Amino acid sequence: GKERELVAGIDSDGYANYADSVKGRFTISRDDAKNTVNL
């Protein structure tokens, strides 16, 4: 019943940002060498 929302993003330099609702609880990471992104 809700629209899709952005939870967390991470740029190519490793800088991350989070929705206020998850800030402090979620951590996003990326490994470009392995082509993976984790939350």
PDB file of all heavy atoms in Angstrom:
ATOM      1  N   GLY A   1       0.780  -1.225   0.000  1.00  0.00           N
ATOM      2  CA  GLY A   1       0.000   0.000   0.000  1.00  0.00           C
ATOM      3  C   GLY A   1       0.810   1.273   0.000  1.00  0.00           C
ATOM      4  O   GLY A   1       0.236   2.366   0.043  1.00  0.00           O
ATOM      5  N   LYS A   2       2.121   1.158  -0.045  1.00  0.00           N
ATOM      6  CA  LYS A   2       2.983   2.328  -0.035  1.00  0.00           C
ATOM      7  C   LYS A   2       3.864   2.352  -1.276  1.00  0.00           C
ATOM      8  O   LYS A   2       4.078   1.336  -1.924  1.00  0.00           O
ATOM      9  CB  LYS A   2       3.855   2.350   1.222  1.00  0.00           C
ATOM     10  CG  LYS A   2       3.084   2.455   2.522  1.00  0.00           C
ATOM     11  CD  LYS A   2       4.020   2.536   3.710  1.00  0.00           C
ATOM     12  CE  LYS A   2       3.257   2.675   5.010  1.00  0.00           C
ATOM     13  NZ  LYS A   2       4.179   2.747   6.174  1.00  0.00           N
ATOM     14  N   GLU A   3       4.361   3.528  -1.594  1.00  0.00           N
ATOM     15  CA  GLU A   3       5.270   3.669  -2.713  1.00  0.00           C
ATOM     16  C   GLU A   3       6.667   3.211  -2.324  1.00  0.00           C
ATOM     17  O   GLU A   3       7.041   3.229  -1.157  1.00  0.00           O
ATOM     18  CB  GLU A   3       5.314   5.120  -3.192  1.00  0.00           C
ATOM     19  CG  GLU A   3       4.010   5.618  -3.784  1.00  0.00           C
ATOM     20  CD  GLU A   3       4.137   7.012  -4.366  1.00  0.00           C
ATOM     21  OE1 GLU A   3       5.181   7.654  -4.167  1.00  0.00           O
ATOM     22  OE2 GLU A   3       3.187   7.446  -5.026  1.00  0.00           O
ATOM     23  N   ARG A   4       7.414   2.800  -3.335  1.00  0.00           N
ATOM     24  CA  ARG A   4       8.789   2.423  -3.099  1.00  0.00           C
ATOM     25  C   ARG A   4       9.578   3.642  -2.620  1.00  0.00           C
ATOM     26  O   ARG A   4       9.408   4.748  -3.138  1.00  0.00           O
ATOM     27  CB  ARG A   4       9.401   1.860  -4.387  1.00  0.00           C
ATOM     28  CG  ARG A   4      10.807   1.318  -4.233  1.00  0.00           C
ATOM     29  CD  ARG A   4      11.344   0.812  -5.572  1.00  0.00           C
ATOM     30  NE  ARG A   4      10.734  -0.450  -5.981  1.00  0.00           N
ATOM     31  CZ  ARG A   4       9.948  -0.594  -7.045  1.00  0.00           C
ATOM     32  NH1 ARG A   4       9.663   0.436  -7.816  1.00  0.00           N
ATOM     33  NH2 ARG A   4       9.455  -1.788  -7.340  1.00  0.00           N
ATOM     34  N   GLU A   5      10.420   3.442  -1.621  1.00  0.00           N
ATOM     35  CA  GLU A   5      11.200   4.532  -1.074  1.00  0.00           C
ATOM     36  C   GLU A   5      12.674   4.171  -1.003  1.00  0.00           C
ATOM     37  O   GLU A   5      13.043   3.006  -0.864  1.00  0.00           O
ATOM     38  CB  GLU A   5      10.697   4.909   0.323  1.00  0.00           C
ATOM     39  CG  GLU A   5      10.870   3.815   1.365  1.00  0.00           C
ATOM     40  CD  GLU A   5      10.516   4.253   2.772  1.00  0.00           C
ATOM     41  OE1 GLU A   5      10.472   5.469   3.036  1.00  0.00           O
ATOM     42  OE2 GLU A   5      10.273   3.363   3.620  1.00  0.00           O
ATOM     43  N   LEU A   6      13.502   5.174  -1.086  1.00  0.00           N
ATOM     44  CA  LEU A   6      14.940   4.984  -0.951  1.00  0.00           C
ATOM     45  C   LEU A   6      15.290   4.837   0.515  1.00  0.00           C
ATOM     46  O   LEU A   6      14.929   5.684   1.335  1.00  0.00           O
ATOM     47  CB  LEU A   6      15.690   6.162  -1.561  1.00  0.00           C
ATOM     48  CG  LEU A   6      17.220   6.100  -1.501  1.00  0.00           C
ATOM     49  CD1 LEU A   6      17.736   5.014  -2.431  1.00  0.00           C
ATOM     50  CD2 LEU A   6      17.825   7.448  -1.868  1.00  0.00           C
ATOM     51  N   VAL A   7      15.983   3.778   0.847  1.00  0.00           N
ATOM     52  CA  VAL A   7      16.379   3.502   2.222  1.00  0.00           C
ATOM     53  C   VAL A   7      17.796   3.985   2.489  1.00  0.00           C
ATOM     54  O   VAL A   7      18.073   4.632   3.499  1.00  0.00           O
ATOM     55  CB  VAL A   7      16.265   2.001   2.542  1.00  0.00           C
ATOM     56  CG1 VAL A   7      16.794   1.693   3.936  1.00  0.00           C
ATOM     57  CG2 VAL A   7      14.812   1.552   2.413  1.00  0.00           C
ATOM     58  N   ALA A   8      18.702   3.639   1.602  1.00  0.00           N
ATOM     59  CA  ALA A   8      20.104   3.991   1.769  1.00  0.00           C
ATOM     60  C   ALA A   8      20.792   4.021   0.424  1.00  0.00           C
ATOM     61  O   ALA A   8      20.469   3.232  -0.460  1.00  0.00           O
ATOM     62  CB  ALA A   8      20.809   2.991   2.689  1.00  0.00           C
ATOM     63  N   GLY A   9      21.735   4.918   0.270  1.00  0.00           N
ATOM     64  CA  GLY A   9      22.515   5.008  -0.947  1.00  0.00           C
ATOM     65  C   GLY A   9      23.984   5.143  -0.622  1.00  0.00           C
ATOM     66  O   GLY A   9      24.346   5.643   0.439  1.00  0.00           O
ATOM     67  N   ILE A  10      24.818   4.683  -1.536  1.00  0.00           N
ATOM     68  CA  ILE A  10      26.256   4.788  -1.346  1.00  0.00           C
ATOM     69  C   ILE A  10      26.908   5.101  -2.681  1.00  0.00           C
ATOM     70  O   ILE A  10      26.629   4.446  -3.681  1.00  0.00           O
ATOM     71  CB  ILE A  10      26.838   3.504  -0.709  1.00  0.00           C
ATOM     72  CG1 ILE A  10      28.336   3.656  -0.443  1.00  0.00           C
ATOM     73  CG2 ILE A  10      26.541   2.274  -1.564  1.00  0.00           C
ATOM     74  CD1 ILE A  10      28.896   2.563   0.456  1.00  0.00           C
ATOM     75  N   ASP A  11      27.753   6.127  -2.708  1.00  0.00           N
ATOM     76  CA  ASP A  11      28.378   6.504  -3.955  1.00  0.00           C
ATOM     77  C   ASP A  11      29.701   5.779  -4.154  1.00  0.00           C
ATOM     78  O   ASP A  11      30.134   4.985  -3.320  1.00  0.00           O
ATOM     79  CB  ASP A  11      28.516   8.034  -4.072  1.00  0.00           C
ATOM     80  CG  ASP A  11      29.536   8.644  -3.119  1.00  0.00           C
ATOM     81  OD1 ASP A  11      30.426   7.935  -2.613  1.00  0.00           O
ATOM     82  OD2 ASP A  11      29.453   9.870  -2.887  1.00  0.00           O
ATOM     83  N   SER A  12      30.327   6.049  -5.276  1.00  0.00           N
ATOM     84  CA  SER A  12      31.533   5.327  -5.645  1.00  0.00           C
ATOM     85  C   SER A  12      32.723   5.630  -4.749  1.00  0.00           C
ATOM     86  O   SER A  12      33.712   4.890  -4.775  1.00  0.00           O
ATOM     87  CB  SER A  12      31.897   5.620  -7.100  1.00  0.00           C
ATOM     88  OG  SER A  12      32.085   7.007  -7.311  1.00  0.00           O
ATOM     89  N   ASP A  13      32.639   6.695  -3.969  1.00  0.00           N
ATOM     90  CA  ASP A  13      33.685   7.023  -3.005  1.00  0.00           C
ATOM     91  C   ASP A  13      33.417   6.429  -1.629  1.00  0.00           C
ATOM     92  O   ASP A  13      34.224   6.591  -0.716  1.00  0.00           O
ATOM     93  CB  ASP A  13      33.844   8.538  -2.882  1.00  0.00           C
ATOM     94  CG  ASP A  13      34.382   9.172  -4.140  1.00  0.00           C
ATOM     95  OD1 ASP A  13      35.310   8.595  -4.749  1.00  0.00           O
ATOM     96  OD2 ASP A  13      33.884  10.251  -4.522  1.00  0.00           O
ATOM     97  N   GLY A  14      32.285   5.762  -1.493  1.00  0.00           N
ATOM     98  CA  GLY A  14      31.955   5.137  -0.229  1.00  0.00           C
ATOM     99  C   GLY A  14      31.125   5.991   0.702  1.00  0.00           C
ATOM    100  O   GLY A  14      30.856   5.579   1.838  1.00  0.00           O
ATOM    101  N   TYR A  15      30.718   7.162   0.255  1.00  0.00           N
ATOM    102  CA  TYR A  15      29.873   8.016   1.087  1.00  0.00           C
ATOM    103  C   TYR A  15      28.434   7.538   1.036  1.00  0.00           C
ATOM    104  O   TYR A  15      27.885   7.323  -0.041  1.00  0.00           O
ATOM    105  CB  TYR A  15      29.963   9.469   0.643  1.00  0.00           C
ATOM    106  CG  TYR A  15      31.324  10.078   0.872  1.00  0.00           C
ATOM    107  CD1 TYR A  15      32.188  10.308  -0.188  1.00  0.00           C
ATOM    108  CD2 TYR A  15      31.743  10.417   2.158  1.00  0.00           C
ATOM    109  CE1 TYR A  15      33.443  10.855   0.017  1.00  0.00           C
ATOM    110  CE2 TYR A  15      32.998  10.969   2.370  1.00  0.00           C
ATOM    111  CZ  TYR A  15      33.846  11.187   1.300  1.00  0.00           C
ATOM    112  OH  TYR A  15      35.096  11.737   1.515  1.00  0.00           O
ATOM    113  N   ALA A  16      27.847   7.387   2.191  1.00  0.00           N
ATOM    114  CA  ALA A  16      26.506   6.850   2.298  1.00  0.00           C
ATOM    115  C   ALA A  16      25.538   7.867   2.870  1.00  0.00           C
ATOM    116  O   ALA A  16      25.922   8.773   3.614  1.00  0.00           O
ATOM    117  CB  ALA A  16      26.507   5.605   3.178  1.00  0.00           C
ATOM    118  N   ASN A  17      24.289   7.711   2.507  1.00  0.00           N
ATOM    119  CA  ASN A  17      23.228   8.495   3.113  1.00  0.00           C
ATOM    120  C   ASN A  17      22.036   7.588   3.351  1.00  0.00           C
ATOM    121  O   ASN A  17      21.875   6.562   2.691  1.00  0.00           O
ATOM    122  CB  ASN A  17      22.850   9.708   2.252  1.00  0.00           C
ATOM    123  CG  ASN A  17      22.276   9.319   0.903  1.00  0.00           C
ATOM    124  OD1 ASN A  17      21.076   9.082   0.779  1.00  0.00           O
ATOM    125  ND2 ASN A  17      23.132   9.254  -0.109  1.00  0.00           N
ATOM    126  N   TYR A  18      21.208   7.975   4.306  1.00  0.00           N
ATOM    127  CA  TYR A  18      20.123   7.118   4.745  1.00  0.00           C
ATOM    128  C   TYR A  18      18.837   7.901   4.923  1.00  0.00           C
ATOM    129  O   TYR A  18      18.852   9.096   5.231  1.00  0.00           O
ATOM    130  CB  TYR A  18      20.473   6.457   6.081  1.00  0.00           C
ATOM    131  CG  TYR A  18      21.739   5.642   6.038  1.00  0.00           C
ATOM    132  CD1 TYR A  18      22.976   6.224   6.308  1.00  0.00           C
ATOM    133  CD2 TYR A  18      21.702   4.292   5.722  1.00  0.00           C
ATOM    134  CE1 TYR A  18      24.145   5.477   6.260  1.00  0.00           C
ATOM    135  CE2 TYR A  18      22.855   3.545   5.669  1.00  0.00           C
ATOM    136  CZ  TYR A  18      24.078   4.139   5.939  1.00  0.00           C
ATOM    137  OH  TYR A  18      25.232   3.396   5.889  1.00  0.00           O
ATOM    138  N   ALA A  19      17.744   7.204   4.737  1.00  0.00           N
ATOM    139  CA  ALA A  19      16.470   7.780   5.108  1.00  0.00           C
ATOM    140  C   ALA A  19      16.454   8.009   6.613  1.00  0.00           C
ATOM    141  O   ALA A  19      17.043   7.244   7.377  1.00  0.00           O
ATOM    142  CB  ALA A  19      15.330   6.851   4.699  1.00  0.00           C
ATOM    143  N   ASP A  20      15.784   9.069   7.027  1.00  0.00           N
ATOM    144  CA  ASP A  20      15.744   9.382   8.453  1.00  0.00           C
ATOM    145  C   ASP A  20      15.206   8.220   9.284  1.00  0.00           C
ATOM    146  O   ASP A  20      15.624   8.019  10.424  1.00  0.00           O
ATOM    147  CB  ASP A  20      14.893  10.629   8.696  1.00  0.00           C
ATOM    148  CG  ASP A  20      15.567  11.899   8.239  1.00  0.00           C
ATOM    149  OD1 ASP A  20      16.797  11.899   8.041  1.00  0.00           O
ATOM    150  OD2 ASP A  20      14.862  12.915   8.079  1.00  0.00           O
ATOM    151  N   SER A  21      14.301   7.462   8.703  1.00  0.00           N
ATOM    152  CA  SER A  21      13.665   6.382   9.438  1.00  0.00           C
ATOM    153  C   SER A  21      14.612   5.238   9.780  1.00  0.00           C
ATOM    154  O   SER A  21      14.320   4.450  10.683  1.00  0.00           O
ATOM    155  CB  SER A  21      12.474   5.842   8.646  1.00  0.00           C
ATOM    156  OG  SER A  21      12.887   5.350   7.383  1.00  0.00           O
ATOM    157  N   VAL A  22      15.731   5.127   9.072  1.00  0.00           N
ATOM    158  CA  VAL A  22      16.665   4.030   9.311  1.00  0.00           C
ATOM    159  C   VAL A  22      18.032   4.505   9.759  1.00  0.00           C
ATOM    160  O   VAL A  22      18.893   3.681  10.092  1.00  0.00           O
ATOM    161  CB  VAL A  22      16.817   3.132   8.068  1.00  0.00           C
ATOM    162  CG1 VAL A  22      15.458   2.681   7.560  1.00  0.00           C
ATOM    163  CG2 VAL A  22      17.593   3.843   6.962  1.00  0.00           C
ATOM    164  N   LYS A  23      18.242   5.792   9.779  1.00  0.00           N
ATOM    165  CA  LYS A  23      19.544   6.347  10.144  1.00  0.00           C
ATOM    166  C   LYS A  23      19.951   5.891  11.541  1.00  0.00           C
ATOM    167  O   LYS A  23      19.170   5.963  12.486  1.00  0.00           O
ATOM    168  CB  LYS A  23      19.497   7.869  10.055  1.00  0.00           C
ATOM    169  CG  LYS A  23      20.858   8.549  10.113  1.00  0.00           C
ATOM    170  CD  LYS A  23      20.731  10.042   9.804  1.00  0.00           C
ATOM    171  CE  LYS A  23      20.261  10.270   8.380  1.00  0.00           C
ATOM    172  NZ  LYS A  23      20.196  11.718   8.030  1.00  0.00           N
ATOM    173  N   GLY A  24      21.184   5.423  11.651  1.00  0.00           N
ATOM    174  CA  GLY A  24      21.690   4.930  12.914  1.00  0.00           C
ATOM    175  C   GLY A  24      21.430   3.467  13.152  1.00  0.00           C
ATOM    176  O   GLY A  24      21.987   2.883  14.088  1.00  0.00           O
ATOM    177  N   ARG A  25      20.592   2.863  12.318  1.00  0.00           N
ATOM    178  CA  ARG A  25      20.265   1.450  12.471  1.00  0.00           C
ATOM    179  C   ARG A  25      20.754   0.611  11.290  1.00  0.00           C
ATOM    180  O   ARG A  25      21.088  -0.558  11.472  1.00  0.00           O
ATOM    181  CB  ARG A  25      18.760   1.261  12.625  1.00  0.00           C
ATOM    182  CG  ARG A  25      18.176   1.961  13.848  1.00  0.00           C
ATOM    183  CD  ARG A  25      16.711   1.594  14.044  1.00  0.00           C
ATOM    184  NE  ARG A  25      15.873   2.030  12.928  1.00  0.00           N
ATOM    185  CZ  ARG A  25      15.157   1.208  12.155  1.00  0.00           C
ATOM    186  NH1 ARG A  25      15.181  -0.101  12.384  1.00  0.00           N
ATOM    187  NH2 ARG A  25      14.407   1.690  11.167  1.00  0.00           N
ATOM    188  N   PHE A  26      20.763   1.192  10.100  1.00  0.00           N
ATOM    189  CA  PHE A  26      21.157   0.474   8.890  1.00  0.00           C
ATOM    190  C   PHE A  26      22.508   0.978   8.401  1.00  0.00           C
ATOM    191  O   PHE A  26      22.839   2.162   8.550  1.00  0.00           O
ATOM    192  CB  PHE A  26      20.138   0.687   7.769  1.00  0.00           C
ATOM    193  CG  PHE A  26      18.797   0.039   7.983  1.00  0.00           C
ATOM    194  CD1 PHE A  26      18.436  -0.525   9.199  1.00  0.00           C
ATOM    195  CD2 PHE A  26      17.889   0.001   6.935  1.00  0.00           C
ATOM    196  CE1 PHE A  26      17.194  -1.113   9.381  1.00  0.00           C
ATOM    197  CE2 PHE A  26      16.646  -0.587   7.103  1.00  0.00           C
ATOM    198  CZ  PHE A  26      16.295  -1.143   8.321  1.00  0.00           C
ATOM    199  N   THR A  27      23.262   0.090   7.785  1.00  0.00           N
ATOM    200  CA  THR A  27      24.537   0.449   7.182  1.00  0.00           C
ATOM    201  C   THR A  27      24.639  -0.170   5.800  1.00  0.00           C
ATOM    202  O   THR A  27      24.502  -1.387   5.653  1.00  0.00           O
ATOM    203  CB  THR A  27      25.729  -0.025   8.032  1.00  0.00           C
ATOM    204  OG1 THR A  27      25.642   0.528   9.349  1.00  0.00           O
ATOM    205  CG2 THR A  27      27.044   0.422   7.399  1.00  0.00           C
ATOM    206  N   ILE A  28      24.866   0.659   4.805  1.00  0.00           N
ATOM    207  CA  ILE A  28      25.031   0.177   3.438  1.00  0.00           C
ATOM    208  C   ILE A  28      26.513   0.119   3.103  1.00  0.00           C
ATOM    209  O   ILE A  28      27.303   0.945   3.556  1.00  0.00           O
ATOM    210  CB  ILE A  28      24.268   1.080   2.441  1.00  0.00           C
ATOM    211  CG1 ILE A  28      24.289   0.481   1.032  1.00  0.00           C
ATOM    212  CG2 ILE A  28      24.824   2.500   2.442  1.00  0.00           C
ATOM    213  CD1 ILE A  28      23.394   1.224   0.040  1.00  0.00           C
ATOM    214  N   SER A  29      26.883  -0.864   2.319  1.00  0.00           N
ATOM    215  CA  SER A  29      28.257  -0.991   1.870  1.00  0.00           C
ATOM    216  C   SER A  29      28.270  -1.512   0.441  1.00  0.00           C
ATOM    217  O   SER A  29      27.295  -2.102  -0.025  1.00  0.00           O
ATOM    218  CB  SER A  29      29.054  -1.919   2.792  1.00  0.00           C
ATOM    219  OG  SER A  29      28.493  -3.221   2.813  1.00  0.00           O
ATOM    220  N   ARG A  30      29.365  -1.278  -0.258  1.00  0.00           N
ATOM    221  CA  ARG A  30      29.503  -1.798  -1.613  1.00  0.00           C
ATOM    222  C   ARG A  30      30.919  -2.281  -1.838  1.00  0.00           C
ATOM    223  O   ARG A  30      31.876  -1.746  -1.278  1.00  0.00           O
ATOM    224  CB  ARG A  30      29.114  -0.745  -2.663  1.00  0.00           C
ATOM    225  CG  ARG A  30      30.042   0.459  -2.739  1.00  0.00           C
ATOM    226  CD  ARG A  30      29.499   1.537  -3.676  1.00  0.00           C
ATOM    227  NE  ARG A  30      29.607   1.183  -5.078  1.00  0.00           N
ATOM    228  CZ  ARG A  30      29.102   1.905  -6.076  1.00  0.00           C
ATOM    229  NH1 ARG A  30      28.417   3.028  -5.804  1.00  0.00           N
ATOM    230  NH2 ARG A  30      29.255   1.514  -7.332  1.00  0.00           N
ATOM    231  N   ASP A  31      31.033  -3.291  -2.665  1.00  0.00           N
ATOM    232  CA  ASP A  31      32.316  -3.839  -3.045  1.00  0.00           C
ATOM    233  C   ASP A  31      32.307  -3.937  -4.559  1.00  0.00           C
ATOM    234  O   ASP A  31      31.782  -4.897  -5.124  1.00  0.00           O
ATOM    235  CB  ASP A  31      32.552  -5.200  -2.400  1.00  0.00           C
ATOM    236  CG  ASP A  31      33.952  -5.735  -2.638  1.00  0.00           C
ATOM    237  OD1 ASP A  31      34.609  -5.302  -3.598  1.00  0.00           O
ATOM    238  OD2 ASP A  31      34.397  -6.597  -1.853  1.00  0.00           O
ATOM    239  N   ASP A  32      32.859  -2.930  -5.203  1.00  0.00           N
ATOM    240  CA  ASP A  32      32.815  -2.889  -6.662  1.00  0.00           C
ATOM    241  C   ASP A  32      33.614  -4.021  -7.299  1.00  0.00           C
ATOM    242  O   ASP A  32      33.296  -4.463  -8.400  1.00  0.00           O
ATOM    243  CB  ASP A  32      33.326  -1.543  -7.166  1.00  0.00           C
ATOM    244  CG  ASP A  32      32.356  -0.409  -6.904  1.00  0.00           C
ATOM    245  OD1 ASP A  32      31.327  -0.644  -6.243  1.00  0.00           O
ATOM    246  OD2 ASP A  32      32.625   0.719  -7.364  1.00  0.00           O
ATOM    247  N   ALA A  33      34.644  -4.490  -6.606  1.00  0.00           N
ATOM    248  CA  ALA A  33      35.441  -5.590  -7.140  1.00  0.00           C
ATOM    249  C   ALA A  33      34.637  -6.879  -7.196  1.00  0.00           C
ATOM    250  O   ALA A  33      34.871  -7.725  -8.059  1.00  0.00           O
ATOM    251  CB  ALA A  33      36.701  -5.785  -6.307  1.00  0.00           C
ATOM    252  N   LYS A  34      33.704  -7.036  -6.274  1.00  0.00           N
ATOM    253  CA  LYS A  34      32.865  -8.223  -6.218  1.00  0.00           C
ATOM    254  C   LYS A  34      31.472  -7.982  -6.780  1.00  0.00           C
ATOM    255  O   LYS A  34      30.665  -8.909  -6.841  1.00  0.00           O
ATOM    256  CB  LYS A  34      32.752  -8.731  -4.783  1.00  0.00           C
ATOM    257  CG  LYS A  34      34.065  -9.200  -4.189  1.00  0.00           C
ATOM    258  CD  LYS A  34      33.873  -9.721  -2.774  1.00  0.00           C
ATOM    259  CE  LYS A  34      35.169 -10.227  -2.193  1.00  0.00           C
ATOM    260  NZ  LYS A  34      34.991 -10.729  -0.805  1.00  0.00           N
ATOM    261  N   ASN A  35      31.204  -6.746  -7.164  1.00  0.00           N
ATOM    262  CA  ASN A  35      29.896  -6.376  -7.704  1.00  0.00           C
ATOM    263  C   ASN A  35      28.766  -6.698  -6.727  1.00  0.00           C
ATOM    264  O   ASN A  35      27.727  -7.252  -7.106  1.00  0.00           O
ATOM    265  CB  ASN A  35      29.655  -7.058  -9.055  1.00  0.00           C
ATOM    266  CG  ASN A  35      30.687  -6.674 -10.081  1.00  0.00           C
ATOM    267  OD1 ASN A  35      31.002  -5.496 -10.242  1.00  0.00           O
ATOM    268  ND2 ASN A  35      31.223  -7.663 -10.789  1.00  0.00           N
ATOM    269  N   THR A  36      28.988  -6.334  -5.475  1.00  0.00           N
ATOM    270  CA  THR A  36      27.995  -6.589  -4.447  1.00  0.00           C
ATOM    271  C   THR A  36      27.692  -5.330  -3.647  1.00  0.00           C
ATOM    272  O   THR A  36      28.532  -4.439  -3.509  1.00  0.00           O
ATOM    273  CB  THR A  36      28.450  -7.691  -3.474  1.00  0.00           C
ATOM    274  OG1 THR A  36      29.677  -7.305  -2.845  1.00  0.00           O
ATOM    275  CG2 THR A  36      28.653  -9.014  -4.200  1.00  0.00           C
ATOM    276  N   VAL A  37      26.490  -5.281  -3.128  1.00  0.00           N
ATOM    277  CA  VAL A  37      26.043  -4.215  -2.247  1.00  0.00           C
ATOM    278  C   VAL A  37      25.294  -4.874  -1.098  1.00  0.00           C
ATOM    279  O   VAL A  37      24.442  -5.731  -1.322  1.00  0.00           O
ATOM    280  CB  VAL A  37      25.125  -3.214  -2.956  1.00  0.00           C
ATOM    281  CG1 VAL A  37      24.774  -2.057  -2.022  1.00  0.00           C
ATOM    282  CG2 VAL A  37      25.788  -2.673  -4.218  1.00  0.00           C
ATOM    283  N   ASN A  38      25.621  -4.488   0.114  1.00  0.00           N
ATOM    284  CA  ASN A  38      24.998  -5.092   1.280  1.00  0.00           C
ATOM    285  C   ASN A  38      24.287  -4.049   2.119  1.00  0.00           C
ATOM    286  O   ASN A  38      24.583  -2.862   2.058  1.00  0.00           O
ATOM    287  CB  ASN A  38      26.042  -5.806   2.129  1.00  0.00           C
ATOM    288  CG  ASN A  38      26.737  -6.934   1.390  1.00  0.00           C
ATOM    289  OD1 ASN A  38      27.956  -6.927   1.240  1.00  0.00           O
ATOM    290  ND2 ASN A  38      25.954  -7.896   0.918  1.00  0.00           N
ATOM    291  N   LEU A  39      23.346  -4.521   2.899  1.00  0.00           N
ATOM    292  CA  LEU A  39      22.635  -3.658   3.833  1.00  0.00           C
ATOM    293  C   LEU A  39      22.535  -4.379   5.161  1.00  0.00           C
ATOM    294  O   LEU A  39      21.819  -5.377   5.275  1.00  0.00           O
ATOM    295  CB  LEU A  39      21.238  -3.307   3.313  1.00  0.00           C
ATOM    296  CG  LEU A  39      20.445  -2.323   4.172  1.00  0.00           C
ATOM    297  CD1 LEU A  39      21.082  -0.935   4.114  1.00  0.00           C
ATOM    298  CD2 LEU A  39      18.990  -2.262   3.730  1.00  0.00           C
TER     299      LEU A  39
END
